[in-house]
């Protein structure tokens, strides 16, 4: 079984631009995206704020720009496993989600940029989904993944 390495944060700062160098968006490609709130503030502790993120992901799914495979809205970050549609590059899709959420919540809530991992064909997608879904358990927010409200995965 493939083990997913812990995700990196700290994507704002002097090396944030380096993360974007060589970034390639492949329509039909699967990506694991992580984006973090400004100063790691727990913006999504609030139920309605977290649901705003969920709605933004649903919009991208309905438009066909990104097929959501799994997501987890944590208090201060978002994990999103998606298959990229053909109409927009990954950076634009993520920027749209962040912009919609910021607009509805009334302010600049996200750190600049995001971390992405292009998932290779041999990687175990359900294992990545389980990693995402177990995030609140690892963070000590709940005892069981199903007890957390802001997630979904096509395998469950």
N, C-alpha and C. Protein backbone atom coordinates (compact mmCIF):
# COMPACT_ATOMS: atom_id res chain seq x y z
N UNK A 1 0.85 -1.18 0.00
CA UNK A 1 0.00 0.00 0.00
C UNK A 1 0.89 1.24 0.00
N UNK A 2 0.54 2.23 -0.76
CA UNK A 2 1.29 3.47 -0.86
C UNK A 2 0.98 4.34 0.34
N UNK A 3 2.00 4.87 0.96
CA UNK A 3 1.79 5.77 2.10
C UNK A 3 1.91 7.21 1.63
N UNK A 4 0.97 8.02 2.00
CA UNK A 4 0.99 9.43 1.64
C UNK A 4 1.80 10.16 2.68
N UNK A 5 2.74 10.95 2.23
CA UNK A 5 3.56 11.72 3.16
C UNK A 5 2.76 12.87 3.74
N UNK A 6 3.09 13.31 4.95
CA UNK A 6 2.40 14.47 5.52
C UNK A 6 2.49 15.66 4.57
N UNK A 7 1.43 16.41 4.50
CA UNK A 7 1.39 17.56 3.61
C UNK A 7 2.18 18.72 4.18
N UNK A 8 2.71 19.52 3.28
CA UNK A 8 3.51 20.67 3.68
C UNK A 8 2.63 21.91 3.78
N UNK A 9 2.92 22.72 4.79
CA UNK A 9 2.25 24.00 4.88
C UNK A 9 3.31 25.08 4.79
N UNK A 10 3.10 26.24 5.33
CA UNK A 10 4.09 27.30 5.22
C UNK A 10 4.31 27.70 3.77
N UNK A 11 3.24 27.80 2.99
CA UNK A 11 3.38 28.06 1.56
C UNK A 11 3.38 29.54 1.23
N UNK A 12 3.36 30.37 2.23
CA UNK A 12 3.44 31.79 2.02
C UNK A 12 4.83 32.23 2.42
N UNK A 13 5.42 33.12 1.72
CA UNK A 13 6.73 33.57 2.13
C UNK A 13 7.67 33.65 0.95
N UNK A 14 8.99 33.71 1.23
CA UNK A 14 9.95 33.97 0.17
C UNK A 14 10.03 32.87 -0.88
N UNK A 15 9.59 31.67 -0.56
CA UNK A 15 9.71 30.57 -1.52
C UNK A 15 8.37 30.18 -2.15
N UNK A 16 7.33 30.93 -1.88
CA UNK A 16 6.01 30.60 -2.42
C UNK A 16 6.02 30.58 -3.94
N UNK A 17 6.74 31.50 -4.56
CA UNK A 17 6.80 31.55 -6.02
C UNK A 17 7.47 30.30 -6.58
N UNK A 18 8.43 29.73 -5.84
CA UNK A 18 9.11 28.52 -6.29
C UNK A 18 8.13 27.36 -6.46
N UNK A 19 7.07 27.32 -5.64
CA UNK A 19 6.09 26.25 -5.75
C UNK A 19 5.34 26.31 -7.08
N UNK A 20 5.25 27.51 -7.65
CA UNK A 20 4.50 27.66 -8.89
C UNK A 20 5.36 27.40 -10.12
N UNK A 21 6.69 27.40 -9.99
CA UNK A 21 7.58 27.16 -11.12
C UNK A 21 7.39 25.73 -11.61
N UNK A 22 7.20 25.58 -12.89
CA UNK A 22 7.07 24.26 -13.47
C UNK A 22 5.73 23.59 -13.20
N UNK A 23 4.79 24.30 -12.60
CA UNK A 23 3.48 23.72 -12.32
C UNK A 23 2.76 23.51 -13.65
N UNK A 24 2.32 22.30 -13.86
CA UNK A 24 1.65 21.94 -15.09
C UNK A 24 0.27 21.40 -14.78
N UNK A 25 -0.71 21.90 -15.46
CA UNK A 25 -2.08 21.39 -15.29
C UNK A 25 -2.41 20.48 -16.45
N UNK A 26 -2.81 19.27 -16.13
CA UNK A 26 -3.20 18.32 -17.15
C UNK A 26 -4.70 18.05 -17.03
N UNK A 27 -5.50 18.41 -18.03
CA UNK A 27 -6.91 18.03 -17.99
C UNK A 27 -7.01 16.51 -17.77
N UNK A 28 -7.87 16.11 -16.86
CA UNK A 28 -8.01 14.70 -16.54
C UNK A 28 -7.01 14.22 -15.49
N UNK A 29 -6.06 15.08 -15.13
CA UNK A 29 -5.08 14.74 -14.10
C UNK A 29 -5.71 14.81 -12.72
N UNK A 30 -5.19 13.99 -11.82
CA UNK A 30 -5.68 13.98 -10.45
C UNK A 30 -4.68 14.74 -9.58
N UNK A 31 -5.20 15.63 -8.75
CA UNK A 31 -4.36 16.48 -7.91
C UNK A 31 -4.86 16.47 -6.48
N UNK A 32 -3.91 16.50 -5.57
CA UNK A 32 -4.21 16.72 -4.16
C UNK A 32 -3.76 18.14 -3.85
N UNK A 33 -4.73 18.98 -3.51
CA UNK A 33 -4.48 20.40 -3.26
C UNK A 33 -4.67 20.68 -1.77
N UNK A 34 -3.78 21.46 -1.21
CA UNK A 34 -3.94 21.95 0.15
C UNK A 34 -3.77 23.46 0.12
N UNK A 35 -4.70 24.16 0.75
CA UNK A 35 -4.60 25.60 0.87
C UNK A 35 -4.95 25.98 2.31
N UNK A 36 -4.29 27.02 2.79
CA UNK A 36 -4.30 27.35 4.21
C UNK A 36 -4.85 28.77 4.42
N UNK A 37 -5.52 28.97 5.55
CA UNK A 37 -6.01 30.30 5.88
C UNK A 37 -4.86 31.21 6.30
N UNK A 38 -5.06 32.50 6.15
CA UNK A 38 -4.06 33.49 6.59
C UNK A 38 -3.77 33.31 8.06
N UNK A 39 -2.50 33.28 8.37
CA UNK A 39 -2.03 33.17 9.75
C UNK A 39 -2.60 31.94 10.46
N UNK A 40 -3.02 30.97 9.69
CA UNK A 40 -3.60 29.72 10.21
C UNK A 40 -4.78 29.98 11.15
N UNK A 41 -5.50 31.06 10.89
CA UNK A 41 -6.68 31.38 11.70
C UNK A 41 -7.76 30.32 11.47
N UNK A 42 -8.45 29.87 12.52
CA UNK A 42 -9.47 28.82 12.40
C UNK A 42 -10.80 29.34 11.86
N UNK A 43 -10.75 29.91 10.67
CA UNK A 43 -11.92 30.52 10.04
C UNK A 43 -13.06 29.51 9.91
N UNK A 44 -12.72 28.25 9.64
CA UNK A 44 -13.74 27.26 9.35
C UNK A 44 -14.18 26.46 10.58
N UNK A 45 -13.85 26.97 11.78
CA UNK A 45 -14.46 26.44 13.00
C UNK A 45 -15.94 26.74 12.99
N UNK A 46 -16.30 27.82 12.35
CA UNK A 46 -17.69 28.23 12.21
C UNK A 46 -18.36 27.34 11.15
N UNK A 47 -19.46 26.68 11.52
CA UNK A 47 -20.13 25.74 10.62
C UNK A 47 -20.47 26.39 9.28
N UNK A 48 -21.08 27.57 9.30
CA UNK A 48 -21.51 28.20 8.04
C UNK A 48 -20.32 28.59 7.17
N UNK A 49 -19.20 28.96 7.76
CA UNK A 49 -18.00 29.28 6.99
C UNK A 49 -17.46 28.03 6.30
N UNK A 50 -17.43 26.92 7.03
CA UNK A 50 -16.96 25.66 6.45
C UNK A 50 -17.88 25.22 5.31
N UNK A 51 -19.18 25.38 5.49
CA UNK A 51 -20.12 24.99 4.44
C UNK A 51 -19.99 25.87 3.21
N UNK A 52 -19.52 27.09 3.39
CA UNK A 52 -19.26 27.98 2.25
C UNK A 52 -18.17 27.36 1.36
N UNK A 53 -17.15 26.78 1.97
CA UNK A 53 -16.10 26.10 1.20
C UNK A 53 -16.70 24.91 0.46
N UNK A 54 -17.51 24.14 1.14
CA UNK A 54 -18.14 22.97 0.53
C UNK A 54 -18.96 23.39 -0.69
N UNK A 55 -19.72 24.46 -0.56
CA UNK A 55 -20.54 24.96 -1.69
C UNK A 55 -19.65 25.39 -2.85
N UNK A 56 -18.53 26.04 -2.57
CA UNK A 56 -17.61 26.46 -3.64
C UNK A 56 -17.05 25.25 -4.38
N UNK A 57 -16.73 24.18 -3.65
CA UNK A 57 -16.25 22.95 -4.29
C UNK A 57 -17.35 22.32 -5.14
N UNK A 58 -18.59 22.36 -4.64
CA UNK A 58 -19.72 21.82 -5.40
C UNK A 58 -19.93 22.58 -6.71
N UNK A 59 -19.75 23.88 -6.67
CA UNK A 59 -19.90 24.69 -7.88
C UNK A 59 -18.87 24.27 -8.93
N UNK A 60 -17.62 24.10 -8.51
CA UNK A 60 -16.58 23.67 -9.45
C UNK A 60 -16.91 22.29 -10.01
N UNK A 61 -17.46 21.43 -9.18
CA UNK A 61 -17.86 20.09 -9.62
C UNK A 61 -19.00 20.18 -10.64
N UNK A 62 -20.01 20.99 -10.34
CA UNK A 62 -21.17 21.12 -11.24
C UNK A 62 -20.80 21.73 -12.58
N UNK A 63 -19.82 22.64 -12.59
CA UNK A 63 -19.40 23.26 -13.85
C UNK A 63 -18.52 22.33 -14.67
N UNK A 64 -18.03 21.26 -14.04
CA UNK A 64 -17.15 20.33 -14.74
C UNK A 64 -15.70 20.74 -14.75
N UNK A 65 -15.39 21.84 -14.06
CA UNK A 65 -13.99 22.30 -14.02
C UNK A 65 -13.15 21.41 -13.12
N UNK A 66 -13.77 20.76 -12.13
CA UNK A 66 -13.05 19.87 -11.22
C UNK A 66 -14.01 18.83 -10.67
N UNK A 67 -13.70 17.57 -10.87
CA UNK A 67 -14.48 16.48 -10.30
C UNK A 67 -13.89 16.19 -8.93
N UNK A 68 -14.65 16.44 -7.88
CA UNK A 68 -14.17 16.23 -6.52
C UNK A 68 -14.21 14.75 -6.18
N UNK A 69 -13.06 14.21 -5.77
CA UNK A 69 -12.97 12.82 -5.33
C UNK A 69 -13.06 12.74 -3.81
N UNK A 70 -12.45 13.70 -3.12
CA UNK A 70 -12.50 13.76 -1.66
C UNK A 70 -12.11 15.17 -1.23
N UNK A 71 -12.63 15.59 -0.08
CA UNK A 71 -12.20 16.86 0.50
C UNK A 71 -12.37 16.80 2.00
N UNK A 72 -11.64 17.68 2.67
CA UNK A 72 -11.74 17.86 4.12
C UNK A 72 -11.52 19.34 4.39
N UNK A 73 -12.51 19.98 4.99
CA UNK A 73 -12.38 21.37 5.40
C UNK A 73 -12.02 21.35 6.89
N UNK A 74 -10.77 21.64 7.18
CA UNK A 74 -10.29 21.72 8.56
C UNK A 74 -10.46 23.15 9.05
N UNK A 75 -10.32 23.41 10.35
CA UNK A 75 -10.52 24.78 10.85
C UNK A 75 -9.66 25.83 10.15
N UNK A 76 -8.43 25.45 9.73
CA UNK A 76 -7.54 26.45 9.14
C UNK A 76 -6.96 26.04 7.78
N UNK A 77 -7.49 25.00 7.17
CA UNK A 77 -7.01 24.62 5.84
C UNK A 77 -8.00 23.69 5.15
N UNK A 78 -7.75 23.50 3.86
CA UNK A 78 -8.57 22.65 3.01
C UNK A 78 -7.68 21.64 2.32
N UNK A 79 -8.09 20.36 2.35
CA UNK A 79 -7.48 19.32 1.51
C UNK A 79 -8.52 18.97 0.46
N UNK A 80 -8.10 18.90 -0.80
CA UNK A 80 -9.04 18.64 -1.89
C UNK A 80 -8.38 17.72 -2.90
N UNK A 81 -8.94 16.55 -3.08
CA UNK A 81 -8.49 15.60 -4.10
C UNK A 81 -9.44 15.70 -5.26
N UNK A 82 -8.94 16.02 -6.43
CA UNK A 82 -9.81 16.31 -7.57
C UNK A 82 -9.22 15.79 -8.87
N UNK A 83 -10.11 15.59 -9.81
CA UNK A 83 -9.71 15.35 -11.19
C UNK A 83 -10.00 16.64 -11.94
N UNK A 84 -8.99 17.16 -12.59
CA UNK A 84 -9.13 18.44 -13.28
C UNK A 84 -9.90 18.28 -14.57
N UNK A 85 -10.88 19.16 -14.77
CA UNK A 85 -11.64 19.18 -16.03
C UNK A 85 -10.80 19.80 -17.13
N UNK A 86 -11.39 19.99 -18.28
CA UNK A 86 -10.62 20.47 -19.43
C UNK A 86 -10.74 21.97 -19.67
N UNK A 87 -11.57 22.66 -18.90
CA UNK A 87 -11.86 24.06 -19.23
C UNK A 87 -10.98 25.09 -18.53
N UNK A 88 -10.21 24.70 -17.51
CA UNK A 88 -9.41 25.69 -16.79
C UNK A 88 -8.20 25.01 -16.15
N UNK A 89 -7.09 25.73 -16.06
CA UNK A 89 -5.92 25.17 -15.37
C UNK A 89 -6.16 25.07 -13.86
N UNK A 90 -5.41 24.21 -13.21
CA UNK A 90 -5.55 23.99 -11.77
C UNK A 90 -5.47 25.28 -10.99
N UNK A 91 -4.52 26.14 -11.31
CA UNK A 91 -4.36 27.38 -10.55
C UNK A 91 -5.61 28.24 -10.62
N UNK A 92 -6.28 28.27 -11.77
CA UNK A 92 -7.50 29.07 -11.90
C UNK A 92 -8.65 28.44 -11.11
N UNK A 93 -8.75 27.12 -11.12
CA UNK A 93 -9.81 26.44 -10.37
C UNK A 93 -9.66 26.71 -8.87
N UNK A 94 -8.43 26.57 -8.36
CA UNK A 94 -8.19 26.81 -6.93
C UNK A 94 -8.42 28.29 -6.61
N UNK A 95 -7.94 29.17 -7.47
CA UNK A 95 -8.13 30.60 -7.25
C UNK A 95 -9.61 30.95 -7.20
N UNK A 96 -10.43 30.33 -8.05
CA UNK A 96 -11.86 30.59 -8.05
C UNK A 96 -12.50 30.15 -6.74
N UNK A 97 -12.17 28.96 -6.27
CA UNK A 97 -12.72 28.48 -5.00
C UNK A 97 -12.35 29.44 -3.88
N UNK A 98 -11.08 29.80 -3.80
CA UNK A 98 -10.63 30.70 -2.73
C UNK A 98 -11.31 32.06 -2.84
N UNK A 99 -11.49 32.55 -4.05
CA UNK A 99 -12.11 33.85 -4.26
C UNK A 99 -13.59 33.83 -3.86
N UNK A 100 -14.31 32.79 -4.26
CA UNK A 100 -15.73 32.67 -3.91
C UNK A 100 -15.90 32.64 -2.40
N UNK A 101 -15.07 31.84 -1.72
CA UNK A 101 -15.16 31.74 -0.27
C UNK A 101 -14.84 33.08 0.38
N UNK A 102 -13.76 33.72 -0.05
CA UNK A 102 -13.38 35.01 0.52
C UNK A 102 -14.46 36.05 0.31
N UNK A 103 -15.06 36.05 -0.88
CA UNK A 103 -16.13 37.02 -1.17
C UNK A 103 -17.32 36.80 -0.24
N UNK A 104 -17.73 35.56 -0.07
CA UNK A 104 -18.90 35.27 0.78
C UNK A 104 -18.63 35.51 2.26
N UNK A 105 -17.38 35.33 2.67
CA UNK A 105 -17.05 35.53 4.08
C UNK A 105 -16.58 36.95 4.37
N UNK A 106 -16.43 37.73 3.32
CA UNK A 106 -16.17 39.15 3.50
C UNK A 106 -14.74 39.54 3.86
N UNK A 107 -13.78 38.92 3.22
CA UNK A 107 -12.42 39.37 3.50
C UNK A 107 -11.36 38.47 2.93
N UNK A 108 -10.13 38.90 3.14
CA UNK A 108 -8.97 38.14 2.69
C UNK A 108 -8.67 37.08 3.75
N UNK A 109 -9.08 35.85 3.49
CA UNK A 109 -8.94 34.82 4.52
C UNK A 109 -7.86 33.79 4.21
N UNK A 110 -7.39 33.73 2.95
CA UNK A 110 -6.45 32.69 2.54
C UNK A 110 -5.02 33.20 2.46
N UNK A 111 -4.07 32.31 2.75
CA UNK A 111 -2.68 32.59 2.40
C UNK A 111 -2.59 32.58 0.89
N UNK A 112 -1.59 33.25 0.36
CA UNK A 112 -1.37 33.21 -1.08
C UNK A 112 -0.90 31.82 -1.48
N UNK A 113 -1.24 31.44 -2.68
CA UNK A 113 -0.76 30.18 -3.23
C UNK A 113 -1.45 28.97 -2.63
N UNK A 114 -0.94 27.82 -3.00
CA UNK A 114 -1.45 26.55 -2.50
C UNK A 114 -0.40 25.49 -2.79
N UNK A 115 -0.51 24.38 -2.12
CA UNK A 115 0.37 23.24 -2.38
C UNK A 115 -0.41 22.23 -3.19
N UNK A 116 0.21 21.69 -4.25
CA UNK A 116 -0.47 20.65 -4.99
C UNK A 116 0.49 19.50 -5.25
N UNK A 117 -0.10 18.33 -5.36
CA UNK A 117 0.64 17.11 -5.67
C UNK A 117 -0.10 16.43 -6.81
N UNK A 118 0.57 16.29 -7.94
CA UNK A 118 -0.03 15.56 -9.06
C UNK A 118 0.04 14.07 -8.71
N UNK A 119 -1.10 13.44 -8.62
CA UNK A 119 -1.18 12.04 -8.22
C UNK A 119 -0.84 11.17 -9.43
N UNK A 120 0.11 10.27 -9.24
CA UNK A 120 0.54 9.38 -10.30
C UNK A 120 -0.44 8.20 -10.43
N UNK A 121 -0.47 7.61 -11.60
CA UNK A 121 -1.41 6.52 -11.88
C UNK A 121 -1.26 5.36 -10.91
N UNK A 122 -0.04 5.09 -10.46
CA UNK A 122 0.18 3.94 -9.58
C UNK A 122 -0.17 4.22 -8.12
N UNK A 123 -0.46 5.47 -7.79
CA UNK A 123 -0.81 5.79 -6.41
C UNK A 123 -2.24 5.31 -6.11
N UNK A 124 -2.46 4.96 -4.87
CA UNK A 124 -3.71 4.39 -4.40
C UNK A 124 -4.67 5.52 -4.00
N UNK A 125 -5.59 5.87 -4.90
CA UNK A 125 -6.51 6.98 -4.63
C UNK A 125 -7.35 6.77 -3.37
N UNK A 126 -7.93 5.58 -3.14
CA UNK A 126 -8.69 5.41 -1.90
C UNK A 126 -7.82 5.62 -0.65
N UNK A 127 -6.55 5.25 -0.70
CA UNK A 127 -5.66 5.47 0.44
C UNK A 127 -5.43 6.96 0.67
N UNK A 128 -5.30 7.72 -0.41
CA UNK A 128 -5.16 9.17 -0.28
C UNK A 128 -6.45 9.75 0.30
N UNK A 129 -7.59 9.25 -0.18
CA UNK A 129 -8.88 9.69 0.37
C UNK A 129 -8.99 9.40 1.85
N UNK A 130 -8.55 8.21 2.28
CA UNK A 130 -8.58 7.87 3.71
C UNK A 130 -7.66 8.80 4.51
N UNK A 131 -6.51 9.11 3.96
CA UNK A 131 -5.59 10.04 4.62
C UNK A 131 -6.28 11.38 4.85
N UNK A 132 -6.95 11.88 3.82
CA UNK A 132 -7.64 13.16 3.91
C UNK A 132 -8.74 13.10 4.97
N UNK A 133 -9.56 12.05 4.91
CA UNK A 133 -10.71 11.93 5.81
C UNK A 133 -10.28 11.76 7.27
N UNK A 134 -9.13 11.18 7.51
CA UNK A 134 -8.66 10.96 8.88
C UNK A 134 -7.93 12.17 9.47
N UNK A 135 -7.83 13.24 8.71
CA UNK A 135 -7.13 14.44 9.18
C UNK A 135 -7.66 14.96 10.52
N UNK A 136 -8.98 15.09 10.73
CA UNK A 136 -9.44 15.61 12.02
C UNK A 136 -9.18 14.66 13.18
N UNK A 137 -9.07 13.37 12.90
CA UNK A 137 -8.71 12.41 13.95
C UNK A 137 -7.26 12.64 14.36
N UNK A 138 -6.37 12.74 13.37
CA UNK A 138 -4.95 13.00 13.66
C UNK A 138 -4.76 14.32 14.39
N UNK A 139 -5.61 15.30 14.09
CA UNK A 139 -5.51 16.62 14.73
C UNK A 139 -6.14 16.64 16.12
N UNK A 140 -6.79 15.53 16.50
CA UNK A 140 -7.41 15.46 17.83
C UNK A 140 -8.75 16.18 17.93
N UNK A 141 -9.37 16.49 16.80
CA UNK A 141 -10.65 17.19 16.81
C UNK A 141 -11.82 16.26 17.09
N UNK A 142 -11.70 15.00 16.65
CA UNK A 142 -12.74 13.98 16.86
C UNK A 142 -12.08 12.63 17.07
N UNK A 143 -12.85 11.68 17.62
CA UNK A 143 -12.33 10.34 17.83
C UNK A 143 -12.46 9.45 16.60
N UNK A 144 -13.49 9.70 15.78
CA UNK A 144 -13.72 8.94 14.56
C UNK A 144 -13.95 9.91 13.41
N UNK A 145 -13.45 9.55 12.23
CA UNK A 145 -13.56 10.43 11.06
C UNK A 145 -15.01 10.79 10.76
N UNK A 146 -15.93 9.86 10.93
CA UNK A 146 -17.34 10.12 10.63
C UNK A 146 -17.99 11.12 11.56
N UNK A 147 -17.32 11.49 12.64
CA UNK A 147 -17.88 12.45 13.60
C UNK A 147 -17.57 13.90 13.23
N UNK A 148 -16.84 14.10 12.15
CA UNK A 148 -16.49 15.45 11.69
C UNK A 148 -17.43 15.80 10.54
N UNK A 149 -17.86 17.05 10.46
CA UNK A 149 -18.94 17.43 9.54
C UNK A 149 -18.54 17.79 8.12
N UNK A 150 -17.33 18.26 7.91
CA UNK A 150 -17.03 18.95 6.64
C UNK A 150 -16.11 18.15 5.73
N UNK A 151 -16.61 17.04 5.23
CA UNK A 151 -15.80 16.19 4.36
C UNK A 151 -16.71 15.36 3.46
N UNK A 152 -16.09 14.79 2.46
CA UNK A 152 -16.77 13.82 1.62
C UNK A 152 -15.71 13.08 0.82
N UNK A 153 -16.05 11.89 0.37
CA UNK A 153 -15.17 11.09 -0.48
C UNK A 153 -16.04 10.17 -1.32
N UNK A 154 -15.69 10.00 -2.57
CA UNK A 154 -16.50 9.17 -3.45
C UNK A 154 -16.48 7.71 -3.05
N UNK A 155 -15.53 7.30 -2.22
CA UNK A 155 -15.40 5.91 -1.82
C UNK A 155 -16.24 5.57 -0.59
N UNK A 156 -16.89 6.54 -0.01
CA UNK A 156 -17.65 6.31 1.22
C UNK A 156 -19.13 6.46 0.95
